[in-house]
Amino acid sequence: ASSVVRAASRSLVVVDLPFGSYQGNSK
């Protein structure tokens, strides 16, 4: 994501939360 953000001057950059980083635990 950091690599992409440095290149994107006008596009909206959306990043996937990977498996195991959000399921079952909101904190």
PDB file of all heavy atoms in Angstrom:
ATOM      1  N   ALA A   1       0.828  -1.214   0.000  1.00  0.00           N
ATOM      2  CA  ALA A   1       0.000   0.000   0.000  1.00  0.00           C
ATOM      3  C   ALA A   1       0.861   1.262   0.000  1.00  0.00           C
ATOM      4  O   ALA A   1       0.545   2.238  -0.699  1.00  0.00           O
ATOM      5  CB  ALA A   1      -0.922  -0.011   1.214  1.00  0.00           C
ATOM      6  N   SER A   2       1.937   1.263   0.763  1.00  0.00           N
ATOM      7  CA  SER A   2       2.823   2.424   0.810  1.00  0.00           C
ATOM      8  C   SER A   2       3.414   2.731  -0.560  1.00  0.00           C
ATOM      9  O   SER A   2       3.509   3.890  -0.965  1.00  0.00           O
ATOM     10  CB  SER A   2       3.961   2.174   1.816  1.00  0.00           C
ATOM     11  OG  SER A   2       3.459   1.945   3.108  1.00  0.00           O
ATOM     12  N   SER A   3       3.775   1.677  -1.278  1.00  0.00           N
ATOM     13  CA  SER A   3       4.334   1.845  -2.625  1.00  0.00           C
ATOM     14  C   SER A   3       3.313   2.452  -3.570  1.00  0.00           C
ATOM     15  O   SER A   3       3.632   3.328  -4.373  1.00  0.00           O
ATOM     16  CB  SER A   3       4.797   0.486  -3.160  1.00  0.00           C
ATOM     17  OG  SER A   3       5.765  -0.097  -2.316  1.00  0.00           O
ATOM     18  N   VAL A   4       2.074   1.987  -3.469  1.00  0.00           N
ATOM     19  CA  VAL A   4       1.006   2.481  -4.340  1.00  0.00           C
ATOM     20  C   VAL A   4       0.651   3.929  -4.019  1.00  0.00           C
ATOM     21  O   VAL A   4       0.486   4.758  -4.920  1.00  0.00           O
ATOM     22  CB  VAL A   4      -0.243   1.575  -4.226  1.00  0.00           C
ATOM     23  CG1 VAL A   4      -1.446   2.216  -4.902  1.00  0.00           C
ATOM     24  CG2 VAL A   4       0.049   0.212  -4.830  1.00  0.00           C
ATOM     25  N   VAL A   5       0.538   4.244  -2.743  1.00  0.00           N
ATOM     26  CA  VAL A   5       0.167   5.606  -2.336  1.00  0.00           C
ATOM     27  C   VAL A   5       1.174   6.632  -2.845  1.00  0.00           C
ATOM     28  O   VAL A   5       0.792   7.732  -3.269  1.00  0.00           O
ATOM     29  CB  VAL A   5       0.033   5.686  -0.796  1.00  0.00           C
ATOM     30  CG1 VAL A   5      -0.054   7.139  -0.330  1.00  0.00           C
ATOM     31  CG2 VAL A   5      -1.195   4.917  -0.332  1.00  0.00           C
ATOM     32  N   ARG A   6       2.447   6.287  -2.860  1.00  0.00           N
ATOM     33  CA  ARG A   6       3.464   7.217  -3.345  1.00  0.00           C
ATOM     34  C   ARG A   6       3.301   7.528  -4.825  1.00  0.00           C
ATOM     35  O   ARG A   6       3.780   8.552  -5.313  1.00  0.00           O
ATOM     36  CB  ARG A   6       4.869   6.651  -3.074  1.00  0.00           C
ATOM     37  CG  ARG A   6       5.289   6.776  -1.613  1.00  0.00           C
ATOM     38  CD  ARG A   6       6.769   6.452  -1.438  1.00  0.00           C
ATOM     39  NE  ARG A   6       7.037   5.013  -1.533  1.00  0.00           N
ATOM     40  CZ  ARG A   6       7.014   4.181  -0.515  1.00  0.00           C
ATOM     41  NH1 ARG A   6       6.715   4.628   0.702  1.00  0.00           N
ATOM     42  NH2 ARG A   6       7.276   2.897  -0.668  1.00  0.00           N
ATOM     43  N   ALA A   7       2.600   6.658  -5.554  1.00  0.00           N
ATOM     44  CA  ALA A   7       2.426   6.849  -6.996  1.00  0.00           C
ATOM     45  C   ALA A   7       1.102   7.504  -7.360  1.00  0.00           C
ATOM     46  O   ALA A   7       0.970   8.079  -8.437  1.00  0.00           O
ATOM     47  CB  ALA A   7       2.522   5.500  -7.703  1.00  0.00           C
ATOM     48  N   ALA A   8       0.109   7.407  -6.480  1.00  0.00           N
ATOM     49  CA  ALA A   8      -1.254   7.833  -6.819  1.00  0.00           C
ATOM     50  C   ALA A   8      -1.490   9.287  -6.444  1.00  0.00           C
ATOM     51  O   ALA A   8      -1.560   9.629  -5.266  1.00  0.00           O
ATOM     52  CB  ALA A   8      -2.266   6.941  -6.103  1.00  0.00           C
ATOM     53  N   SER A   9      -1.643  10.129  -7.455  1.00  0.00           N
ATOM     54  CA  SER A   9      -1.862  11.549  -7.206  1.00  0.00           C
ATOM     55  C   SER A   9      -3.334  11.939  -7.270  1.00  0.00           C
ATOM     56  O   SER A   9      -3.711  13.005  -6.792  1.00  0.00           O
ATOM     57  CB  SER A   9      -1.065  12.393  -8.207  1.00  0.00           C
ATOM     58  OG  SER A   9      -1.513  12.146  -9.535  1.00  0.00           O
ATOM     59  N   ARG A  10      -4.179  11.074  -7.885  1.00  0.00           N
ATOM     60  CA  ARG A  10      -5.594  11.429  -7.988  1.00  0.00           C
ATOM     61  C   ARG A  10      -6.547  10.279  -7.658  1.00  0.00           C
ATOM     62  O   ARG A  10      -7.668  10.512  -7.254  1.00  0.00           O
ATOM     63  CB  ARG A  10      -5.921  11.962  -9.390  1.00  0.00           C
ATOM     64  CG  ARG A  10      -5.763  10.940 -10.504  1.00  0.00           C
ATOM     65  CD  ARG A  10      -6.174  11.512 -11.837  1.00  0.00           C
ATOM     66  NE  ARG A  10      -7.544  11.991 -11.824  1.00  0.00           N
ATOM     67  CZ  ARG A  10      -8.604  11.210 -11.941  1.00  0.00           C
ATOM     68  NH1 ARG A  10      -8.460   9.902 -12.022  1.00  0.00           N
ATOM     69  NH2 ARG A  10      -9.814  11.713 -11.950  1.00  0.00           N
ATOM     70  N   SER A  11      -6.124   9.058  -7.784  1.00  0.00           N
ATOM     71  CA  SER A  11      -7.003   7.921  -7.511  1.00  0.00           C
ATOM     72  C   SER A  11      -7.233   7.751  -6.011  1.00  0.00           C
ATOM     73  O   SER A  11      -6.363   8.060  -5.198  1.00  0.00           O
ATOM     74  CB  SER A  11      -6.392   6.622  -8.056  1.00  0.00           C
ATOM     75  OG  SER A  11      -6.161   6.707  -9.438  1.00  0.00           O
ATOM     76  N   LEU A  12      -8.404   7.237  -5.655  1.00  0.00           N
ATOM     77  CA  LEU A  12      -8.693   6.826  -4.283  1.00  0.00           C
ATOM     78  C   LEU A  12      -8.009   5.478  -4.055  1.00  0.00           C
ATOM     79  O   LEU A  12      -8.206   4.546  -4.833  1.00  0.00           O
ATOM     80  CB  LEU A  12     -10.199   6.697  -4.077  1.00  0.00           C
ATOM     81  CG  LEU A  12     -10.677   6.259  -2.694  1.00  0.00           C
ATOM     82  CD1 LEU A  12     -10.582   7.436  -1.718  1.00  0.00           C
ATOM     83  CD2 LEU A  12     -12.114   5.742  -2.743  1.00  0.00           C
ATOM     84  N   VAL A  13      -7.217   5.363  -3.008  1.00  0.00           N
ATOM     85  CA  VAL A  13      -6.487   4.122  -2.730  1.00  0.00           C
ATOM     86  C   VAL A  13      -7.158   3.383  -1.573  1.00  0.00           C
ATOM     87  O   VAL A  13      -7.229   3.888  -0.453  1.00  0.00           O
ATOM     88  CB  VAL A  13      -5.008   4.384  -2.396  1.00  0.00           C
ATOM     89  CG1 VAL A  13      -4.290   3.071  -2.080  1.00  0.00           C
ATOM     90  CG2 VAL A  13      -4.319   5.102  -3.549  1.00  0.00           C
ATOM     91  N   VAL A  14      -7.652   2.179  -1.870  1.00  0.00           N
ATOM     92  CA  VAL A  14      -8.329   1.325  -0.890  1.00  0.00           C
ATOM     93  C   VAL A  14      -7.458   0.093  -0.647  1.00  0.00           C
ATOM     94  O   VAL A  14      -6.932  -0.491  -1.596  1.00  0.00           O
ATOM     95  CB  VAL A  14      -9.721   0.901  -1.397  1.00  0.00           C
ATOM     96  CG1 VAL A  14     -10.415   0.016  -0.365  1.00  0.00           C
ATOM     97  CG2 VAL A  14     -10.574   2.115  -1.732  1.00  0.00           C
ATOM     98  N   VAL A  15      -7.332  -0.301   0.611  1.00  0.00           N
ATOM     99  CA  VAL A  15      -6.448  -1.419   0.969  1.00  0.00           C
ATOM    100  C   VAL A  15      -7.242  -2.522   1.661  1.00  0.00           C
ATOM    101  O   VAL A  15      -8.012  -2.266   2.584  1.00  0.00           O
ATOM    102  CB  VAL A  15      -5.314  -0.944   1.902  1.00  0.00           C
ATOM    103  CG1 VAL A  15      -4.351  -2.095   2.212  1.00  0.00           C
ATOM    104  CG2 VAL A  15      -4.560   0.223   1.279  1.00  0.00           C
ATOM    105  N   ASP A  16      -7.038  -3.750   1.220  1.00  0.00           N
ATOM    106  CA  ASP A  16      -7.667  -4.901   1.873  1.00  0.00           C
ATOM    107  C   ASP A  16      -7.073  -5.137   3.255  1.00  0.00           C
ATOM    108  O   ASP A  16      -5.844  -5.152   3.417  1.00  0.00           O
ATOM    109  CB  ASP A  16      -7.443  -6.176   1.041  1.00  0.00           C
ATOM    110  CG  ASP A  16      -8.501  -6.379  -0.024  1.00  0.00           C
ATOM    111  OD1 ASP A  16      -9.616  -5.858   0.128  1.00  0.00           O
ATOM    112  OD2 ASP A  16      -8.206  -7.077  -1.020  1.00  0.00           O
ATOM    113  N   LEU A  17      -7.939  -5.337   4.241  1.00  0.00           N
ATOM    114  CA  LEU A  17      -7.473  -5.888   5.511  1.00  0.00           C
ATOM    115  C   LEU A  17      -7.280  -7.384   5.293  1.00  0.00           C
ATOM    116  O   LEU A  17      -8.212  -8.073   4.871  1.00  0.00           O
ATOM    117  CB  LEU A  17      -8.488  -5.650   6.621  1.00  0.00           C
ATOM    118  CG  LEU A  17      -8.586  -4.243   7.220  1.00  0.00           C
ATOM    119  CD1 LEU A  17      -9.546  -4.240   8.405  1.00  0.00           C
ATOM    120  CD2 LEU A  17      -7.235  -3.724   7.655  1.00  0.00           C
ATOM    121  N   PRO A  18      -6.093  -7.919   5.553  1.00  0.00           N
ATOM    122  CA  PRO A  18      -5.834  -9.335   5.256  1.00  0.00           C
ATOM    123  C   PRO A  18      -6.502 -10.269   6.246  1.00  0.00           C
ATOM    124  O   PRO A  18      -6.898  -9.879   7.346  1.00  0.00           O
ATOM    125  CB  PRO A  18      -4.309  -9.434   5.340  1.00  0.00           C
ATOM    126  CG  PRO A  18      -3.922  -8.371   6.309  1.00  0.00           C
ATOM    127  CD  PRO A  18      -4.889  -7.241   6.069  1.00  0.00           C
ATOM    128  N   PHE A  19      -6.608 -11.512   5.838  1.00  0.00           N
ATOM    129  CA  PHE A  19      -7.201 -12.556   6.663  1.00  0.00           C
ATOM    130  C   PHE A  19      -6.532 -12.609   8.037  1.00  0.00           C
ATOM    131  O   PHE A  19      -5.303 -12.578   8.149  1.00  0.00           O
ATOM    132  CB  PHE A  19      -7.054 -13.913   5.971  1.00  0.00           C
ATOM    133  CG  PHE A  19      -7.572 -15.076   6.772  1.00  0.00           C
ATOM    134  CD1 PHE A  19      -8.933 -15.298   6.903  1.00  0.00           C
ATOM    135  CD2 PHE A  19      -6.692 -15.943   7.405  1.00  0.00           C
ATOM    136  CE1 PHE A  19      -9.413 -16.364   7.649  1.00  0.00           C
ATOM    137  CE2 PHE A  19      -7.158 -17.013   8.153  1.00  0.00           C
ATOM    138  CZ  PHE A  19      -8.533 -17.224   8.268  1.00  0.00           C
ATOM    139  N   GLY A  20      -7.363 -12.677   9.085  1.00  0.00           N
ATOM    140  CA  GLY A  20      -6.847 -12.775  10.441  1.00  0.00           C
ATOM    141  C   GLY A  20      -6.600 -11.459  11.133  1.00  0.00           C
ATOM    142  O   GLY A  20      -6.244 -11.436  12.310  1.00  0.00           O
ATOM    143  N   SER A  21      -6.810 -10.337  10.406  1.00  0.00           N
ATOM    144  CA  SER A  21      -6.519  -9.034  11.007  1.00  0.00           C
ATOM    145  C   SER A  21      -7.767  -8.305  11.468  1.00  0.00           C
ATOM    146  O   SER A  21      -7.679  -7.192  11.978  1.00  0.00           O
ATOM    147  CB  SER A  21      -5.754  -8.153  10.003  1.00  0.00           C
ATOM    148  OG  SER A  21      -6.582  -7.782   8.917  1.00  0.00           O
ATOM    149  N   TYR A  22      -8.948  -8.938  11.301  1.00  0.00           N
ATOM    150  CA  TYR A  22     -10.178  -8.248  11.699  1.00  0.00           C
ATOM    151  C   TYR A  22     -11.322  -9.184  12.083  1.00  0.00           C
ATOM    152  O   TYR A  22     -12.257  -8.787  12.782  1.00  0.00           O
ATOM    153  CB  TYR A  22     -10.662  -7.314  10.586  1.00  0.00           C
ATOM    154  CG  TYR A  22     -11.068  -8.009   9.306  1.00  0.00           C
ATOM    155  CD1 TYR A  22     -12.391  -8.364   9.056  1.00  0.00           C
ATOM    156  CD2 TYR A  22     -10.132  -8.315   8.318  1.00  0.00           C
ATOM    157  CE1 TYR A  22     -12.772  -8.994   7.882  1.00  0.00           C
ATOM    158  CE2 TYR A  22     -10.493  -8.937   7.153  1.00  0.00           C
ATOM    159  CZ  TYR A  22     -11.815  -9.277   6.929  1.00  0.00           C
ATOM    160  OH  TYR A  22     -12.183  -9.907   5.760  1.00  0.00           O
ATOM    161  N   GLN A  23     -11.289 -10.440  11.660  1.00  0.00           N
ATOM    162  CA  GLN A  23     -12.410 -11.345  11.916  1.00  0.00           C
ATOM    163  C   GLN A  23     -12.536 -11.670  13.403  1.00  0.00           C
ATOM    164  O   GLN A  23     -11.574 -12.089  14.034  1.00  0.00           O
ATOM    165  CB  GLN A  23     -12.250 -12.655  11.125  1.00  0.00           C
ATOM    166  CG  GLN A  23     -12.373 -12.476   9.626  1.00  0.00           C
ATOM    167  CD  GLN A  23     -11.035 -12.301   8.937  1.00  0.00           C
ATOM    168  OE1 GLN A  23     -10.063 -11.891   9.550  1.00  0.00           O
ATOM    169  NE2 GLN A  23     -10.990 -12.626   7.655  1.00  0.00           N
ATOM    170  N   GLY A  24     -13.732 -11.471  13.945  1.00  0.00           N
ATOM    171  CA  GLY A  24     -14.026 -11.923  15.293  1.00  0.00           C
ATOM    172  C   GLY A  24     -13.541 -11.033  16.414  1.00  0.00           C
ATOM    173  O   GLY A  24     -13.805 -11.310  17.584  1.00  0.00           O
ATOM    174  N   ASN A  25     -12.848  -9.942  16.106  1.00  0.00           N
ATOM    175  CA  ASN A  25     -12.321  -9.077  17.153  1.00  0.00           C
ATOM    176  C   ASN A  25     -12.308  -7.640  16.644  1.00  0.00           C
ATOM    177  O   ASN A  25     -11.426  -7.258  15.875  1.00  0.00           O
ATOM    178  CB  ASN A  25     -10.914  -9.520  17.544  1.00  0.00           C
ATOM    179  CG  ASN A  25     -10.357  -8.767  18.752  1.00  0.00           C
ATOM    180  OD1 ASN A  25     -10.651  -7.597  18.955  1.00  0.00           O
ATOM    181  ND2 ASN A  25      -9.536  -9.456  19.542  1.00  0.00           N
ATOM    182  N   SER A  26     -13.275  -6.847  17.060  1.00  0.00           N
ATOM    183  CA  SER A  26     -13.410  -5.493  16.532  1.00  0.00           C
ATOM    184  C   SER A  26     -12.258  -4.591  16.962  1.00  0.00           C
ATOM    185  O   SER A  26     -11.885  -3.668  16.235  1.00  0.00           O
ATOM    186  CB  SER A  26     -14.751  -4.890  16.962  1.00  0.00           C
ATOM    187  OG  SER A  26     -14.820  -4.762  18.372  1.00  0.00           O
ATOM    188  N   LYS A  27     -11.686  -4.854  18.139  1.00  0.00           N
ATOM    189  CA  LYS A  27     -10.544  -4.051  18.577  1.00  0.00           C
ATOM    190  C   LYS A  27      -9.327  -4.310  17.692  1.00  0.00           C
ATOM    191  O   LYS A  27      -8.617  -3.376  17.298  1.00  0.00           O
ATOM    192  CB  LYS A  27     -10.205  -4.370  20.038  1.00  0.00           C
ATOM    193  CG  LYS A  27      -9.102  -3.493  20.608  1.00  0.00           C
ATOM    194  CD  LYS A  27      -8.847  -3.789  22.083  1.00  0.00           C
ATOM    195  CE  LYS A  27      -7.734  -2.892  22.624  1.00  0.00           C
ATOM    196  NZ  LYS A  27      -7.473  -3.174  24.071  1.00  0.00           N
TER     197      LYS A  27
END
